Amino acid sequence: MLHTVALVQYIFTLVPISITVIYLCRIFYNKPLTTLWKESSPVAMLFVAIILMLGIDAVMGIEWILLLFNVISNDSESSALLGIPVLLRVGIQLLFAISNSAIYAQRIYILIYPLKPIRRANKVIFWLEMTITVIAAAFAVIPNIPSSWNFTPAPEGCYSPNCSNLLPGRRYSASTTLVLSTCTVLLGGSFQYLYYRYRTSKRSTKPETLKLHRFARYSFYIRLVFETIPYIIDTFFTNVVGVKIGTYIGPYGLVATCLDYCASTFVYYTLVIKKRAQVGNVNSLAVPFWVDVLLIIRHTLIYGNGIGIFVAFVERSIASYYAHNYELTRRKELPFVLLFFQHIFAAMLITLYGFHIISTIGPSLIMAGLNVITVLGILYLRFVNYARYKGDSRSSSSASTLSHRYQIVENIRSYRVLIPVTVIVMAGSIFGVLMYVSMYYVENRFFRSVMAEGFSMMISSGTMTVPLIAACGYRKVGTRLKKALKISSIKRMYWKRTGTTHALPSVEAPNLRIQNIRGQELVVETQHITTVYFSQLQQQWQ
């Protein structure tokens, strides 16, 4: 597989891991682990498994990133360093899967016997969960323990534990995971059926019980998408086709698991922990949940686009500093690293705002500050590159090379696009800060609603205007647009004079006369133009 694709996937895993840590802190702040244990021991064990999973996934992701950057060598000395976290992850992943099955078993018991005490059933479910975890871990982990660590961890072209030599008994762990995933699907499907059968029953009146039912329903769909289906596809290709998917698409299992527990943590916080002003029927929580998801995506994209201007400024700064060899250096990973920084920073802003750690004006104020720095920095870079182009730095040995001058010209051309776009984004962010400040002093709800809707319309119009302005910054698009506007203005003037829309009179092209070196006119109609050229060239040599 491609080196860059694997690197992007490992860097991407740090995003859901970071988001999960933030939501876990928020959950444990409102409900400590002891409180979760009293309410539902399987849910408490699920969060214990999530904590262990995100810790080991973070270690694995960092190790493989260092391996891809050749900081960790791919030889027998690093096999134990890379192999031990993989073995631990196999056992912890089984605990994570069995914890989900335990939640479904507990929910099924509550639906069937809503009036019976749950304490005894929780004890039975817990001990069954621990027993099955130990047996499954022994069956899946022990065959993968190598007799010696004297081997190369990853063969050539492999950048994932899925295709590496770290799991010699891969079929045992894959079979165990597939069996547990199948059991999870069966228990989850049974729970879904019983939930729809008893959903109109009024026997379970506790709001916390209904919220946990809804969390179990969503977690079933999450596991079905991120674990069961990928493992079935992996097993099919490995055993039937004889192809290891990890060789082509990289660490898909690591990425899917990170998305799995990140989504589960987010759903639990949204449905169970997050406080709302009025909660009547718990079924009505589905609509606010999806509204929150859409709002998070929208705000992340809005702030991500604003941060993208700053990311472009950073990339142009690197291109200006290394102008002498920027075209020759390897920079395939640079766009993905900057893109990762762009979206993780935007997600962190939205998360801090959602948890009320920073005020409403905080993200807009940060964006305005970044945009002001970006505008000043781009203007400075334009001045520096233009000075280099004019010959202020000709004394350096690299300034006279063709690649250096070509990169300087490309930098100057890029500012035709960046400067107007950055100015518009900066003006919008400053206007947003002023809008939020003015809304604090407006007490009338009607005027505040009008101001908020006007600001939303401004953002929507900006998303349509900025791409057009960026496209006009390119030379070809701008030239064609100017020609089109010039022709339309000429037609408009002619229409005003004559009062009709007749076509303009055609302008004949000037009659160019081809002459030889003695000033004599050549007749080209009977002779091809290239023949005339070469004949004149021959006369010059003679």
Protein backbone atom coordinates (compact mmCIF):
# COMPACT_ATOMS: atom_id res chain seq x y z
CA MET A 1 0.00 0.00 0.00
CA LEU A 2 1.03 3.63 -0.24
CA HIS A 3 3.26 5.02 2.48
CA THR A 4 1.33 8.29 2.60
CA VAL A 5 -2.08 6.61 2.95
CA ALA A 6 -0.95 4.62 5.99
CA LEU A 7 0.58 7.72 7.57
CA VAL A 8 -2.66 9.67 7.09
CA GLN A 9 -4.69 6.87 8.70
CA TYR A 10 -2.43 6.71 11.76
CA ILE A 11 -2.55 10.48 12.16
CA PHE A 12 -6.33 10.40 11.73
CA THR A 13 -6.71 7.91 14.63
CA LEU A 14 -5.43 10.57 17.01
CA VAL A 15 -8.51 12.69 16.23
CA PRO A 16 -11.20 10.31 17.62
CA ILE A 17 -8.86 9.39 20.49
CA SER A 18 -8.58 13.05 21.52
CA ILE A 19 -12.33 13.60 21.18
CA THR A 20 -13.02 10.47 23.25
CA VAL A 21 -10.74 11.68 26.06
CA ILE A 22 -12.62 15.00 26.21
CA TYR A 23 -16.03 13.32 26.35
CA LEU A 24 -14.85 10.79 28.96
CA CYS A 25 -13.66 13.62 31.19
CA ARG A 26 -17.03 15.28 30.82
CA ILE A 27 -18.90 12.03 31.58
CA PHE A 28 -16.84 11.22 34.67
CA TYR A 29 -17.20 14.82 35.86
CA ASN A 30 -20.99 14.38 35.96
CA LYS A 31 -21.06 10.68 36.85
CA PRO A 32 -18.05 9.05 38.50
CA LEU A 33 -17.26 5.45 37.71
CA THR A 34 -18.78 4.28 41.01
CA THR A 35 -22.08 5.94 40.10
CA LEU A 36 -22.02 4.31 36.68
CA TRP A 37 -21.37 0.96 38.35
CA LYS A 38 -24.41 1.35 40.59
CA GLU A 39 -26.64 2.30 37.66
CA SER A 40 -25.35 -0.32 35.22
CA SER A 41 -22.26 -2.46 35.77
CA PRO A 42 -21.98 -3.47 32.06
CA VAL A 43 -21.91 0.21 31.06
CA ALA A 44 -19.18 0.86 33.65
CA MET A 45 -17.15 -2.06 32.27
CA LEU A 46 -17.65 -0.68 28.77
CA PHE A 47 -16.06 2.62 29.76
CA VAL A 48 -13.20 0.80 31.48
CA ALA A 49 -12.59 -1.08 28.23
CA ILE A 50 -12.78 2.19 26.27
CA ILE A 51 -10.14 3.78 28.54
CA LEU A 52 -7.81 0.81 28.02
CA MET A 53 -8.51 0.75 24.29
CA LEU A 54 -7.78 4.41 23.64
CA GLY A 55 -4.57 4.19 25.67
CA ILE A 56 -3.22 1.21 23.74
CA ASP A 57 -4.43 2.64 20.41
CA ALA A 58 -2.61 5.90 21.08
CA VAL A 59 0.60 3.98 21.84
CA MET A 60 0.24 1.87 18.69
CA GLY A 61 -0.54 4.87 16.50
CA ILE A 62 2.49 6.82 17.73
CA GLU A 63 4.78 3.78 17.34
CA TRP A 64 3.74 3.13 13.75
CA ILE A 65 4.02 6.83 12.87
CA LEU A 66 7.59 6.75 14.16
CA LEU A 67 8.16 3.55 12.18
CA LEU A 68 6.94 5.21 8.98
CA PHE A 69 9.30 8.15 9.62
CA ASN A 70 12.17 5.65 10.21
CA VAL A 71 12.62 6.82 13.80
CA ILE A 72 11.95 3.23 14.89
CA SER A 73 13.88 0.76 12.77
CA ASN A 74 12.08 -2.10 11.05
CA ASP A 75 14.28 -4.92 12.36
CA SER A 76 14.33 -7.58 15.06
CA GLU A 77 15.33 -5.06 17.74
CA SER A 78 11.96 -3.32 17.41
CA SER A 79 9.78 -6.44 17.14
CA ALA A 80 9.05 -6.61 20.88
CA LEU A 81 8.40 -2.87 21.07
CA LEU A 82 5.81 -3.12 18.30
CA GLY A 83 4.47 -6.58 19.14
CA ILE A 84 3.56 -6.28 22.83
CA PRO A 85 1.01 -3.45 22.31
CA VAL A 86 -0.58 -5.46 19.49
CA LEU A 87 -1.03 -8.49 21.78
CA LEU A 88 -2.47 -6.35 24.56
CA ARG A 89 -4.85 -4.74 22.11
CA VAL A 90 -6.22 -8.13 21.03
CA GLY A 91 -7.22 -8.96 24.62
CA ILE A 92 -8.63 -5.50 25.38
CA GLN A 93 -10.65 -5.50 22.16
CA LEU A 94 -12.29 -8.75 23.25
CA LEU A 95 -13.22 -7.14 26.59
CA PHE A 96 -14.69 -4.20 24.65
CA ALA A 97 -16.82 -6.52 22.49
CA ILE A 98 -18.03 -8.63 25.42
CA SER A 99 -18.95 -5.48 27.38
CA ASN A 100 -21.30 -4.48 24.58
CA SER A 101 -22.86 -7.95 24.64
CA ALA A 102 -23.31 -7.64 28.41
CA ILE A 103 -25.17 -4.34 27.95
CA TYR A 104 -27.58 -5.99 25.50
CA ALA A 105 -28.10 -8.93 27.88
CA GLN A 106 -28.89 -6.58 30.75
CA ARG A 107 -31.31 -4.54 28.61
CA ILE A 108 -33.06 -7.75 27.50
CA TYR A 109 -33.49 -8.84 31.13
CA ILE A 110 -34.98 -5.45 32.06
CA LEU A 111 -37.42 -5.57 29.12
CA ILE A 112 -38.59 -9.10 29.93
CA TYR A 113 -38.63 -8.75 33.75
CA PRO A 114 -39.06 -5.03 34.44
CA LEU A 115 -40.38 -5.50 37.98
CA LYS A 116 -37.74 -7.94 39.24
CA PRO A 117 -34.63 -6.68 41.07
CA ILE A 118 -31.66 -6.19 38.80
CA ARG A 119 -28.85 -6.62 41.36
CA ARG A 120 -28.64 -10.40 41.13
CA ALA A 121 -28.82 -10.33 37.34
CA ASN A 122 -25.99 -7.76 37.25
CA LYS A 123 -23.77 -10.07 39.30
CA VAL A 124 -24.45 -13.01 37.01
CA ILE A 125 -23.85 -10.91 33.88
CA PHE A 126 -20.60 -9.50 35.32
CA TRP A 127 -19.10 -12.89 36.21
CA LEU A 128 -20.14 -14.34 32.86
CA GLU A 129 -18.52 -11.35 31.17
CA MET A 130 -15.23 -11.84 33.05
CA THR A 131 -15.20 -15.60 32.46
CA ILE A 132 -15.85 -15.31 28.72
CA THR A 133 -13.23 -12.55 28.44
CA VAL A 134 -10.53 -14.69 30.09
CA ILE A 135 -11.35 -17.74 27.95
CA ALA A 136 -11.53 -15.74 24.73
CA ALA A 137 -8.30 -13.87 25.52
CA ALA A 138 -6.49 -17.13 26.22
CA PHE A 139 -7.71 -18.61 22.94
CA ALA A 140 -6.87 -15.47 20.91
CA VAL A 141 -3.69 -14.15 22.55
CA ILE A 142 -1.67 -17.26 23.49
CA PRO A 143 -1.32 -18.59 19.89
CA ASN A 144 -0.03 -15.16 18.83
CA ILE A 145 2.81 -15.07 21.37
CA PRO A 146 5.98 -15.78 19.36
CA SER A 147 8.63 -18.18 20.61
CA SER A 148 11.26 -15.50 20.00
CA TRP A 149 11.18 -11.87 18.92
CA ASN A 150 13.95 -12.35 16.36
CA PHE A 151 12.04 -11.38 13.22
CA THR A 152 11.25 -8.35 11.08
CA PRO A 153 7.99 -6.76 12.30
CA ALA A 154 6.65 -5.51 8.95
CA PRO A 155 7.53 -6.95 5.53
CA GLU A 156 8.23 -4.70 2.59
CA GLY A 157 5.18 -2.71 1.53
CA CYS A 158 3.28 -3.41 4.79
CA TYR A 159 2.52 -0.49 7.10
CA SER A 160 -0.15 -2.04 9.31
CA PRO A 161 -0.41 -4.70 12.05
CA ASN A 162 -3.03 -6.44 9.87
CA CYS A 163 -0.40 -7.61 7.38
CA SER A 164 2.64 -7.68 9.66
CA ASN A 165 4.48 -10.61 11.24
CA LEU A 166 3.45 -9.58 14.77
CA LEU A 167 0.44 -11.95 14.88
CA PRO A 168 1.57 -15.44 13.81
CA GLY A 169 -1.71 -16.97 15.04
CA ARG A 170 -3.87 -14.41 13.32
CA ARG A 171 -6.56 -16.93 12.39
CA TYR A 172 -7.25 -17.69 16.08
CA SER A 173 -7.72 -14.06 17.05
CA ALA A 174 -9.75 -13.33 13.91
CA SER A 175 -12.01 -16.35 14.51
CA THR A 176 -12.55 -15.40 18.15
CA THR A 177 -13.39 -11.81 17.23
CA LEU A 178 -15.77 -12.98 14.52
CA VAL A 179 -17.60 -15.34 16.91
CA LEU A 180 -17.95 -12.63 19.54
CA SER A 181 -19.13 -10.13 16.93
CA THR A 182 -21.74 -12.61 15.76
CA CYS A 183 -22.95 -13.12 19.34
CA THR A 184 -23.08 -9.35 19.80
CA VAL A 185 -25.21 -9.01 16.66
CA LEU A 186 -27.58 -11.75 17.84
CA LEU A 187 -27.98 -10.24 21.30
CA GLY A 188 -28.34 -6.75 19.85
CA GLY A 189 -30.91 -7.94 17.32
CA SER A 190 -32.88 -9.66 20.08
CA PHE A 191 -32.79 -6.48 22.13
CA GLN A 192 -34.02 -4.43 19.16
CA TYR A 193 -36.91 -6.84 18.64
CA LEU A 194 -37.92 -6.80 22.32
CA TYR A 195 -37.59 -3.03 22.47
CA TYR A 196 -40.00 -2.56 19.57
CA ARG A 197 -42.31 -5.14 21.08
CA TYR A 198 -42.45 -3.47 24.52
CA ARG A 199 -41.86 0.13 23.44
CA THR A 200 -45.49 1.10 24.25
CA SER A 201 -45.36 -0.58 27.64
CA LYS A 202 -45.50 1.71 30.66
CA ARG A 203 -43.90 -0.80 33.02
CA SER A 204 -40.45 0.83 32.76
CA THR A 205 -41.06 4.38 33.87
CA LYS A 206 -37.56 5.40 35.01
CA PRO A 207 -36.07 8.01 32.68
CA GLU A 208 -32.54 6.64 33.20
CA THR A 209 -33.68 3.19 32.10
CA LEU A 210 -35.24 4.57 28.94
CA LYS A 211 -32.10 6.60 28.18
CA LEU A 212 -29.90 3.52 28.56
CA HIS A 213 -32.25 1.62 26.25
CA ARG A 214 -31.77 4.27 23.61
CA PHE A 215 -27.98 4.27 24.11
CA ALA A 216 -27.93 0.48 23.66
CA ARG A 217 -29.90 0.80 20.43
CA TYR A 218 -27.48 3.33 18.95
CA SER A 219 -24.42 1.38 20.12
CA PHE A 220 -25.75 -1.70 18.30
CA TYR A 221 -25.80 0.15 14.98
CA ILE A 222 -22.37 1.64 15.67
CA ARG A 223 -20.81 -1.77 16.30
CA LEU A 224 -22.56 -3.25 13.30
CA VAL A 225 -20.98 -0.63 11.02
CA PHE A 226 -17.53 -0.29 12.56
CA GLU A 227 -16.75 -3.84 13.73
CA THR A 228 -18.99 -6.64 12.46
CA ILE A 229 -19.15 -5.72 8.77
CA PRO A 230 -15.37 -4.97 8.46
CA TYR A 231 -14.46 -8.27 10.16
CA ILE A 232 -16.80 -10.25 7.94
CA ILE A 233 -15.26 -8.63 4.85
CA ASP A 234 -11.74 -9.26 6.20
CA THR A 235 -12.50 -12.91 6.94
CA PHE A 236 -14.01 -13.43 3.50
CA PHE A 237 -11.04 -11.96 1.64
CA THR A 238 -8.48 -13.74 3.84
CA ASN A 239 -10.01 -17.23 3.75
CA VAL A 240 -11.81 -17.28 0.38
CA VAL A 241 -9.86 -14.92 -1.87
CA GLY A 242 -6.54 -15.31 -0.06
CA VAL A 243 -5.84 -11.57 0.08
CA LYS A 244 -4.93 -9.59 3.20
CA ILE A 245 -6.86 -6.34 3.10
CA GLY A 246 -4.35 -4.65 5.38
CA THR A 247 -1.77 -4.84 2.62
CA TYR A 248 -3.90 -2.52 0.46
CA ILE A 249 -5.95 -0.29 2.76
CA GLY A 250 -3.73 -0.12 5.84
CA PRO A 251 -4.79 -0.16 9.51
CA TYR A 252 -8.53 -0.18 8.88
CA GLY A 253 -9.20 -2.13 12.09
CA LEU A 254 -7.49 0.49 14.23
CA VAL A 255 -9.35 3.33 12.51
CA ALA A 256 -12.72 1.55 12.77
CA THR A 257 -12.27 0.75 16.46
CA CYS A 258 -11.30 4.35 17.27
CA LEU A 259 -14.40 5.60 15.48
CA ASP A 260 -16.45 2.95 17.30
CA TYR A 261 -15.67 3.97 20.86
CA CYS A 262 -15.57 7.66 19.95
CA ALA A 263 -19.12 7.45 18.57
CA SER A 264 -20.28 5.37 21.55
CA THR A 265 -18.89 7.90 24.03
CA PHE A 266 -20.45 10.80 22.15
CA VAL A 267 -23.85 9.06 22.01
CA TYR A 268 -23.78 8.24 25.74
CA TYR A 269 -22.91 11.81 26.65
CA THR A 270 -25.59 13.25 24.34
CA LEU A 271 -28.42 10.91 25.37
CA VAL A 272 -27.66 10.28 29.06
CA ILE A 273 -25.40 12.98 30.50
CA LYS A 274 -26.25 16.15 28.60
CA LYS A 275 -28.86 18.12 30.50
CA ARG A 276 -31.80 19.63 28.71
CA ALA A 277 -34.30 22.22 29.81
CA GLN A 278 -37.38 20.00 29.40
CA VAL A 279 -37.46 16.30 28.70
CA GLY A 280 -40.88 14.83 28.19
CA ASN A 281 -40.84 11.68 26.11
CA VAL A 282 -37.37 10.18 25.80
CA ASN A 283 -38.11 9.18 22.20
CA SER A 284 -38.02 12.88 21.35
CA LEU A 285 -34.29 12.90 22.16
CA ALA A 286 -33.53 11.41 18.75
CA VAL A 287 -34.28 14.65 16.90
CA PRO A 288 -32.11 16.88 19.16
CA PHE A 289 -29.33 14.30 18.91
CA TRP A 290 -29.17 14.47 15.12
CA VAL A 291 -29.58 18.24 15.22
CA ASP A 292 -26.52 18.41 17.50
CA VAL A 293 -24.58 16.17 15.12
CA LEU A 294 -25.40 18.38 12.13
CA LEU A 295 -24.55 21.54 14.07
CA ILE A 296 -21.19 20.10 15.13
CA ILE A 297 -20.37 19.15 11.53
CA ARG A 298 -21.46 22.58 10.26
CA HIS A 299 -19.45 24.55 12.81
CA THR A 300 -16.41 22.32 12.35
CA LEU A 301 -16.47 22.96 8.60
CA ILE A 302 -16.97 26.71 9.07
CA TYR A 303 -14.09 27.10 11.51
CA GLY A 304 -12.03 24.58 9.55
CA ASN A 305 -12.29 26.75 6.44
CA GLY A 306 -11.20 29.79 8.40
CA ILE A 307 -8.23 27.92 9.82
CA GLY A 308 -7.48 26.64 6.31
CA ILE A 309 -6.43 30.18 5.31
CA PHE A 310 -3.87 30.15 8.11
CA VAL A 311 -2.74 26.69 7.00
CA ALA A 312 -2.24 28.04 3.46
CA PHE A 313 -0.15 30.87 4.92
CA VAL A 314 2.04 28.34 6.74
CA GLU A 315 2.52 26.34 3.54
CA ARG A 316 3.43 29.48 1.55
CA SER A 317 5.89 30.45 4.30
CA ILE A 318 7.61 27.09 3.94
CA ALA A 319 7.62 27.48 0.15
CA SER A 320 9.18 30.94 0.47
CA TYR A 321 11.83 29.87 2.97
CA TYR A 322 12.86 26.79 0.97
CA ALA A 323 12.33 28.37 -2.45
CA HIS A 324 15.70 27.14 -3.77
CA ASN A 325 14.80 23.43 -3.44
CA TYR A 326 11.08 23.36 -2.60
CA GLU A 327 10.18 21.64 -5.88
CA LEU A 328 12.78 18.94 -5.29
CA THR A 329 11.97 18.10 -1.68
CA ARG A 330 9.60 15.33 -0.66
CA ARG A 331 6.47 16.94 0.77
CA LYS A 332 3.71 14.39 0.21
CA GLU A 333 2.98 14.23 3.94
CA LEU A 334 2.91 18.02 4.43
CA PRO A 335 -0.65 18.63 3.08
CA PHE A 336 -2.07 15.80 5.18
CA VAL A 337 -0.32 17.00 8.34
CA LEU A 338 -1.61 20.55 7.78
CA LEU A 339 -5.10 19.21 6.99
CA PHE A 340 -5.04 17.17 10.20
CA PHE A 341 -4.00 20.24 12.20
CA GLN A 342 -6.75 22.28 10.54
CA HIS A 343 -9.63 19.98 11.45
CA ILE A 344 -8.38 18.88 14.88
CA PHE A 345 -7.99 22.53 15.88
CA ALA A 346 -11.51 23.30 14.64
CA ALA A 347 -12.91 20.26 16.48
CA MET A 348 -11.16 21.35 19.68
CA LEU A 349 -12.70 24.83 19.40
CA ILE A 350 -16.18 23.36 18.94
CA THR A 351 -15.66 20.94 21.84
CA LEU A 352 -14.48 23.66 24.22
CA TYR A 353 -17.43 25.81 23.20
CA GLY A 354 -19.88 22.91 23.55
CA PHE A 355 -18.67 22.17 27.09
CA HIS A 356 -18.95 25.90 27.97
CA ILE A 357 -15.24 26.07 28.77
CA ILE A 358 -14.98 29.11 26.52
CA SER A 359 -17.75 31.61 25.76
CA THR A 360 -19.67 32.01 22.52
CA ILE A 361 -17.41 34.79 21.33
CA GLY A 362 -14.27 32.73 21.99
CA PRO A 363 -14.04 30.78 18.68
CA SER A 364 -14.88 33.87 16.62
CA LEU A 365 -12.29 35.95 18.47
CA ILE A 366 -9.63 33.27 17.92
CA MET A 367 -10.53 33.07 14.23
CA ALA A 368 -10.35 36.86 13.86
CA GLY A 369 -6.90 36.93 15.47
CA LEU A 370 -5.65 34.13 13.21
CA ASN A 371 -7.01 35.88 10.13
CA VAL A 372 -5.37 39.20 11.03
CA ILE A 373 -2.04 37.42 11.52
CA THR A 374 -2.56 35.63 8.21
CA VAL A 375 -3.27 38.84 6.27
CA LEU A 376 -0.20 40.59 7.67
CA GLY A 377 1.95 37.52 7.07
CA ILE A 378 0.78 37.09 3.47
CA LEU A 379 1.44 40.76 2.70
CA TYR A 380 4.93 40.41 4.15
CA LEU A 381 5.59 37.24 2.14
CA ARG A 382 4.41 38.96 -1.02
CA PHE A 383 6.81 41.84 -0.40
CA VAL A 384 9.71 39.44 0.25
CA ASN A 385 9.04 37.30 -2.82
CA TYR A 386 8.55 40.34 -5.04
CA ALA A 387 11.85 41.77 -3.80
CA ARG A 388 13.58 38.48 -4.59
CA TYR A 389 12.04 38.45 -8.02
CA LYS A 390 13.31 41.97 -8.72
CA GLY A 391 16.82 40.86 -7.86
CA ASP A 392 17.39 41.93 -4.26
CA SER A 393 18.80 38.50 -3.39
CA ARG A 394 20.86 37.80 -6.53
CA SER A 395 23.99 37.62 -4.44
CA SER A 396 23.01 34.17 -3.14
CA SER A 397 24.14 31.21 -5.18
CA SER A 398 20.71 29.58 -5.32
CA ALA A 399 18.83 32.67 -6.49
CA SER A 400 20.09 32.36 -10.06
CA THR A 401 18.82 28.81 -10.56
CA LEU A 402 15.76 28.20 -12.70
CA SER A 403 13.88 26.25 -10.00
CA HIS A 404 14.39 29.08 -7.50
CA ARG A 405 13.01 31.75 -9.83
CA TYR A 406 10.15 29.48 -10.88
CA GLN A 407 9.16 28.95 -7.23
CA ILE A 408 9.34 32.69 -6.54
CA VAL A 409 7.00 33.35 -9.48
CA GLU A 410 4.60 30.66 -8.24
CA ASN A 411 4.59 32.22 -4.78
CA ILE A 412 3.76 35.65 -6.22
CA ARG A 413 0.95 34.21 -8.34
CA SER A 414 -0.54 32.35 -5.37
CA TYR A 415 -0.98 35.62 -3.49
CA ARG A 416 -3.42 36.80 -6.18
CA VAL A 417 -5.77 34.15 -4.82
CA LEU A 418 -4.87 34.23 -1.13
CA ILE A 419 -4.96 37.98 -0.49
CA PRO A 420 -8.60 38.70 -1.56
CA VAL A 421 -9.89 35.48 0.01
CA THR A 422 -8.06 36.15 3.29
CA VAL A 423 -9.29 39.74 3.44
CA ILE A 424 -12.90 38.60 2.96
CA VAL A 425 -12.60 35.87 5.61
CA MET A 426 -10.94 38.32 8.02
CA ALA A 427 -13.70 40.87 7.46
CA GLY A 428 -16.33 38.18 8.08
CA SER A 429 -14.67 37.01 11.31
CA ILE A 430 -14.31 40.58 12.61
CA PHE A 431 -17.94 41.24 11.72
CA GLY A 432 -18.88 38.08 13.62
CA VAL A 433 -17.05 39.27 16.73
CA LEU A 434 -18.82 42.64 16.52
CA MET A 435 -22.13 40.85 16.02
CA TYR A 436 -21.66 38.67 19.13
CA VAL A 437 -20.59 41.67 21.20
CA SER A 438 -23.61 43.70 20.09
CA MET A 439 -25.95 40.79 20.86
CA TYR A 440 -24.87 40.93 24.51
CA TYR A 441 -26.28 44.45 24.77
CA VAL A 442 -29.53 43.75 22.88
CA GLU A 443 -32.22 42.46 25.21
CA ASN A 444 -35.07 42.20 22.72
CA ARG A 445 -35.36 38.59 21.53
CA PHE A 446 -36.76 39.60 18.17
CA PHE A 447 -33.81 41.82 17.30
CA ARG A 448 -31.37 39.20 18.56
CA SER A 449 -33.01 36.58 16.36
CA VAL A 450 -32.86 38.92 13.37
CA MET A 451 -29.17 39.60 14.01
CA ALA A 452 -28.41 35.89 14.35
CA GLU A 453 -30.25 35.04 11.13
CA GLY A 454 -28.50 37.88 9.33
CA PHE A 455 -25.13 36.56 10.46
CA SER A 456 -26.07 33.06 9.26
CA MET A 457 -27.09 34.47 5.88
CA MET A 458 -23.77 36.31 5.69
CA ILE A 459 -21.90 33.05 6.32
CA SER A 460 -23.97 31.27 3.66
CA SER A 461 -23.36 34.02 1.11
CA GLY A 462 -19.67 34.01 1.98
CA THR A 463 -19.41 30.29 1.25
CA MET A 464 -20.72 31.03 -2.26
CA THR A 465 -18.73 34.22 -2.85
CA VAL A 466 -15.29 33.15 -1.66
CA PRO A 467 -14.88 30.31 -4.23
CA LEU A 468 -15.82 32.69 -7.06
CA ILE A 469 -13.29 35.28 -5.90
CA ALA A 470 -10.65 32.58 -5.53
CA ALA A 471 -11.35 31.35 -9.06
CA CYS A 472 -11.07 34.89 -10.45
CA GLY A 473 -7.63 35.12 -8.87
CA TYR A 474 -6.26 32.62 -11.36
CA ARG A 475 -4.86 34.19 -14.51
CA LYS A 476 -6.82 32.16 -17.08
CA VAL A 477 -10.16 32.46 -15.31
CA GLY A 478 -9.68 36.16 -14.63
CA THR A 479 -8.62 36.90 -18.22
CA ARG A 480 -11.60 35.06 -19.67
CA LEU A 481 -13.95 36.80 -17.26
CA LYS A 482 -12.53 40.22 -18.18
CA LYS A 483 -12.91 39.46 -21.88
CA ALA A 484 -16.49 38.32 -21.35
CA LEU A 485 -17.33 41.46 -19.37
CA LYS A 486 -15.62 43.65 -21.98
CA ILE A 487 -17.55 42.09 -24.85
CA SER A 488 -20.83 42.35 -22.95
CA SER A 489 -20.14 46.04 -22.15
CA ILE A 490 -19.39 46.80 -25.83
CA LYS A 491 -22.61 45.11 -26.90
CA ARG A 492 -24.51 47.04 -24.26
CA MET A 493 -23.07 50.37 -25.48
CA TYR A 494 -23.90 49.52 -29.09
CA TRP A 495 -27.43 48.53 -28.10
CA LYS A 496 -27.90 51.86 -26.32
CA ARG A 497 -26.77 53.79 -29.41
CA THR A 498 -28.84 51.92 -32.01
CA GLY A 499 -31.68 50.65 -29.87
CA THR A 500 -31.29 47.16 -31.31
CA THR A 501 -29.20 44.08 -30.67
CA HIS A 502 -27.60 43.64 -34.10
CA ALA A 503 -24.21 42.02 -34.18
CA LEU A 504 -21.18 44.25 -34.04
CA PRO A 505 -19.29 44.83 -37.29
CA SER A 506 -16.41 42.42 -37.59
CA VAL A 507 -12.93 43.85 -37.38
CA GLU A 508 -10.60 42.54 -40.02
CA ALA A 509 -7.24 41.29 -38.89
CA PRO A 510 -4.27 43.35 -40.08
CA ASN A 511 -2.55 42.12 -43.21
CA LEU A 512 0.84 40.99 -41.97
CA ARG A 513 3.53 41.01 -44.63
CA ILE A 514 6.31 38.47 -44.33
CA GLN A 515 9.66 39.88 -45.50
CA ASN A 516 13.09 38.42 -45.89
CA ILE A 517 16.28 39.73 -44.35
CA ARG A 518 16.69 42.20 -47.25
CA GLY A 519 13.25 43.73 -46.72
CA GLN A 520 11.73 42.07 -49.81
CA GLU A 521 8.13 40.86 -49.51
CA LEU A 522 7.58 37.11 -49.76
CA VAL A 523 4.62 35.42 -51.36
CA VAL A 524 3.51 32.71 -48.94
CA GLU A 525 0.23 31.66 -50.58
CA THR A 526 1.90 29.11 -52.84
CA GLN A 527 4.49 27.98 -50.37
CA HIS A 528 4.14 26.62 -46.86
CA ILE A 529 5.12 28.96 -44.09
CA THR A 530 7.63 26.51 -42.56
CA THR A 531 9.33 26.12 -45.95
CA VAL A 532 9.71 29.89 -46.18
CA TYR A 533 11.21 29.97 -42.70
CA PHE A 534 13.81 27.30 -43.38
CA SER A 535 14.70 28.79 -46.76
CA GLN A 536 15.35 32.15 -45.13
CA LEU A 537 17.41 30.44 -42.44
CA GLN A 538 19.49 28.77 -45.14
CA GLN A 539 20.10 32.14 -46.84
CA GLN A 540 21.32 33.57 -43.56
CA TRP A 541 23.89 30.81 -43.19
CA GLN A 542 25.06 31.36 -46.77
